[in-house]
Amino acid sequence: MKAWTRAAIERIGLKSDNYSYESEIPVKGALGGMRVLDIPITTLKRFTGISNVNVLLDGLRLLWDITRFWYEGRRKQSKNSSSRI
């Protein structure tokens, strides 16, 4: 389960317009010094229907998003620290 405050989202400057906000928020939050908690939940097994998740393709997209948000955040931190000199 994920939850965040309005102040956190405003501070992060959410840019995602699709599912990638799932990785953007914790990556940018952690880089911004925010506390990020993982709260375990229990879910029930699906009894009907089929999942639309493609494990390989969606996993690669998730890895790309995490890498991209981390890199952008580190670059932003580097610019801010060099402009203070």
Protein backbone atom coordinates (compact mmCIF):
# COMPACT_ATOMS: atom_id res chain seq x y z
CA MET A 1 0.00 0.00 0.00
CA LYS A 2 1.25 3.46 -0.83
CA ALA A 3 0.24 6.79 0.62
CA TRP A 4 1.78 10.23 0.50
CA THR A 5 0.94 13.74 1.58
CA ARG A 6 0.03 16.60 -0.72
CA ALA A 7 3.08 18.47 0.58
CA ALA A 8 5.34 15.59 -0.44
CA ILE A 9 3.92 15.48 -3.97
CA GLU A 10 4.29 19.25 -4.35
CA ARG A 11 7.86 19.08 -3.07
CA ILE A 12 8.73 16.20 -5.42
CA GLY A 13 7.30 17.99 -8.46
CA LEU A 14 5.56 14.94 -9.90
CA LYS A 15 6.08 14.76 -13.67
CA SER A 16 4.74 11.30 -14.55
CA ASP A 17 1.55 11.10 -16.53
CA ASN A 18 1.25 7.31 -16.42
CA TYR A 19 1.90 4.41 -14.07
CA SER A 20 5.54 5.44 -13.58
CA TYR A 21 4.51 7.71 -10.69
CA GLU A 22 4.77 4.45 -8.69
CA SER A 23 8.54 4.65 -8.96
CA GLU A 24 8.93 8.44 -9.30
CA ILE A 25 7.52 9.22 -5.86
CA PRO A 26 9.73 6.94 -3.72
CA VAL A 27 12.91 7.60 -5.73
CA LYS A 28 12.57 11.39 -5.70
CA GLY A 29 11.30 11.33 -2.12
CA ALA A 30 14.34 9.39 -0.91
CA LEU A 31 16.73 11.61 -2.87
CA GLY A 32 14.98 14.64 -1.36
CA GLY A 33 15.58 13.39 2.17
CA MET A 34 11.96 12.40 2.80
CA ARG A 35 11.07 9.39 4.88
CA VAL A 36 9.89 6.51 2.70
CA LEU A 37 8.19 3.60 4.41
CA ASP A 38 7.07 0.28 2.98
CA ILE A 39 3.89 -0.98 4.65
CA PRO A 40 3.21 -4.67 3.98
CA ILE A 41 -0.30 -5.71 3.03
CA THR A 42 -1.96 -9.02 2.23
CA THR A 43 -3.76 -9.56 -1.05
CA LEU A 44 -5.97 -12.41 -2.15
CA LYS A 45 -5.25 -14.68 -5.09
CA ARG A 46 -7.11 -13.79 -8.29
CA PHE A 47 -9.85 -16.34 -8.98
CA THR A 48 -11.21 -15.02 -12.28
CA GLY A 49 -9.91 -13.08 -15.25
CA ILE A 50 -6.40 -12.76 -16.57
CA SER A 51 -3.70 -10.31 -15.63
CA ASN A 52 -2.62 -7.73 -18.19
CA VAL A 53 0.86 -7.59 -16.67
CA ASN A 54 3.71 -8.61 -18.94
CA VAL A 55 6.35 -9.42 -16.33
CA LEU A 56 9.35 -8.95 -18.62
CA LEU A 57 8.21 -5.80 -20.43
CA ASP A 58 6.70 -4.12 -17.36
CA GLY A 59 9.75 -5.07 -15.28
CA LEU A 60 12.08 -3.47 -17.82
CA ARG A 61 9.93 -0.32 -17.90
CA LEU A 62 10.03 -0.15 -14.11
CA LEU A 63 13.81 -0.56 -14.06
CA TRP A 64 14.14 2.18 -16.71
CA ASP A 65 11.89 4.54 -14.72
CA ILE A 66 13.78 3.99 -11.46
CA THR A 67 17.12 4.58 -13.20
CA ARG A 68 15.83 7.70 -14.97
CA PHE A 69 14.31 9.27 -11.83
CA TRP A 70 17.41 8.48 -9.79
CA TYR A 71 19.70 10.00 -12.44
CA GLU A 72 17.54 13.12 -12.81
CA GLY A 73 17.43 13.57 -9.04
CA ARG A 74 21.18 13.17 -8.64
CA ARG A 75 21.79 15.61 -11.49
CA LYS A 76 19.49 18.15 -9.85
CA GLN A 77 21.29 17.72 -6.52
CA SER A 78 24.64 18.21 -8.25
CA LYS A 79 23.45 21.44 -9.94
CA ASN A 80 22.11 22.78 -6.63
CA SER A 81 25.33 22.04 -4.75
CA SER A 82 27.57 23.52 -7.46
CA SER A 83 25.51 26.72 -7.67
CA ARG A 84 26.07 27.37 -3.95
CA ILE A 85 29.85 27.67 -4.40
